[in-house]
Amino acid sequence: MPDESWDHGFARSLAIFLSGEGIHSIGEKGEQIVDDNFYLIFNAHYEGLEFVLPKKKKYGRVWEKVIDTDLDGGDTPNETYTAGSGVQIAGRAIQVYRCIE
């Protein structure tokens, strides 16, 4: 990637889908370990950006924002979004979404 590509704001952002069914560890009783699905958004750019939550329903139909580093100290986001919704993230912030359906 050439150096000038880093001048684009979107080049300083990243989203990651973490599947709760993708855990390869086995529990103490030999059971498969399963967790919720999560979607993490990282924005290192100084300006806010818009991301789109996963559109395919197999990843999740309803997402709850559980962490937003742009909020004041003890505030919790408490917002839900449907699959394929656009979400705004502030500059230099992190957001975490948990699949609830």
Protein backbone atom coordinates (compact mmCIF):
# COMPACT_ATOMS: atom_id res chain seq x y z
CA MET A 1 0.00 0.00 0.00
CA PRO A 2 1.62 3.29 -1.02
CA ASP A 3 2.16 5.96 1.64
CA GLU A 4 -0.34 8.37 0.06
CA SER A 5 -3.13 5.82 0.54
CA TRP A 6 -2.96 6.47 4.29
CA ASP A 7 -4.17 10.04 3.63
CA HIS A 8 -7.72 8.75 3.09
CA GLY A 9 -9.85 8.74 6.26
CA PHE A 10 -11.37 5.34 5.51
CA ALA A 11 -7.87 3.83 5.43
CA ARG A 12 -7.63 4.52 9.16
CA SER A 13 -10.72 2.54 10.07
CA LEU A 14 -11.52 -1.13 10.51
CA ALA A 15 -14.50 -3.31 11.38
CA ILE A 16 -14.26 -6.90 12.60
CA PHE A 17 -16.99 -9.55 12.95
CA LEU A 18 -16.38 -12.03 15.79
CA SER A 19 -18.50 -15.17 15.60
CA GLY A 20 -19.50 -16.71 18.91
CA GLU A 21 -19.81 -20.03 17.11
CA GLY A 22 -16.22 -19.84 15.88
CA ILE A 23 -14.68 -20.72 19.25
CA HIS A 24 -12.60 -23.86 18.81
CA SER A 25 -12.08 -24.56 22.52
CA ILE A 26 -13.98 -27.29 24.34
CA GLY A 27 -15.52 -26.81 27.80
CA GLU A 28 -14.57 -28.81 30.90
CA LYS A 29 -17.29 -31.39 30.18
CA GLY A 30 -16.44 -31.71 26.48
CA GLU A 31 -19.18 -29.33 25.35
CA GLN A 32 -18.72 -26.80 22.57
CA ILE A 33 -18.23 -23.26 23.86
CA VAL A 34 -20.59 -20.77 22.19
CA ASP A 35 -20.82 -17.03 22.79
CA ASP A 36 -22.66 -14.06 21.26
CA ASN A 37 -21.61 -12.59 17.92
CA PHE A 38 -19.88 -9.22 18.11
CA TYR A 39 -19.07 -6.47 15.60
CA LEU A 40 -16.20 -4.13 16.51
CA ILE A 41 -15.55 -0.81 14.78
CA PHE A 42 -12.27 1.08 15.15
CA ASN A 43 -11.87 4.61 13.77
CA ALA A 44 -8.37 6.09 14.11
CA HIS A 45 -9.21 9.01 11.80
CA TYR A 46 -9.89 12.41 13.42
CA GLU A 47 -13.23 12.75 11.59
CA GLY A 48 -16.34 10.66 12.13
CA LEU A 49 -17.30 7.98 9.62
CA GLU A 50 -20.31 5.85 8.73
CA PHE A 51 -20.13 2.06 8.83
CA VAL A 52 -22.77 -0.45 7.79
CA LEU A 53 -23.63 -3.32 10.13
CA PRO A 54 -23.48 -6.77 8.50
CA LYS A 55 -26.29 -7.06 5.95
CA LYS A 56 -26.58 -10.84 5.83
CA LYS A 57 -29.07 -12.10 8.38
CA LYS A 58 -26.88 -15.15 9.08
CA TYR A 59 -24.56 -12.79 10.98
CA GLY A 60 -27.39 -11.34 13.03
CA ARG A 61 -30.67 -9.50 12.56
CA VAL A 62 -30.61 -7.07 15.48
CA TRP A 63 -27.51 -5.46 16.99
CA GLU A 64 -27.17 -3.68 20.32
CA LYS A 65 -24.45 -1.08 20.81
CA VAL A 66 -22.75 -2.06 24.08
CA ILE A 67 -19.63 0.13 24.03
CA ASP A 68 -18.98 3.57 22.54
CA THR A 69 -15.78 5.29 23.66
CA ASP A 70 -17.15 8.65 22.50
CA LEU A 71 -19.73 8.67 25.32
CA ASP A 72 -19.08 10.20 28.73
CA GLY A 73 -17.62 7.93 31.42
CA GLY A 74 -20.48 5.89 32.85
CA ASP A 75 -22.97 6.29 30.00
CA THR A 76 -24.10 3.14 28.22
CA PRO A 77 -25.24 3.35 24.59
CA ASN A 78 -28.47 1.28 24.91
CA GLU A 79 -29.32 1.55 21.19
CA THR A 80 -30.40 -1.21 18.79
CA TYR A 81 -30.04 -1.45 15.01
CA THR A 82 -31.22 -3.85 12.33
CA ALA A 83 -28.92 -5.71 9.94
CA GLY A 84 -27.60 -3.44 7.19
CA SER A 85 -28.16 -0.23 9.16
CA GLY A 86 -25.67 2.59 8.82
CA VAL A 87 -24.06 3.69 12.09
CA GLN A 88 -21.99 6.79 12.81
CA ILE A 89 -18.73 6.55 14.73
CA ALA A 90 -16.91 9.61 16.05
CA GLY A 91 -13.30 10.33 15.23
CA ARG A 92 -10.74 8.36 17.21
CA ALA A 93 -13.37 6.11 18.74
CA ILE A 94 -14.27 2.45 19.19
CA GLN A 95 -17.74 0.92 19.15
CA VAL A 96 -18.80 -2.63 20.01
CA TYR A 97 -22.10 -4.18 18.94
CA ARG A 98 -23.56 -7.46 20.24
CA CYS A 99 -26.00 -9.52 18.21
CA ILE A 100 -29.25 -9.94 20.16
CA GLU A 101 -31.32 -11.71 17.44
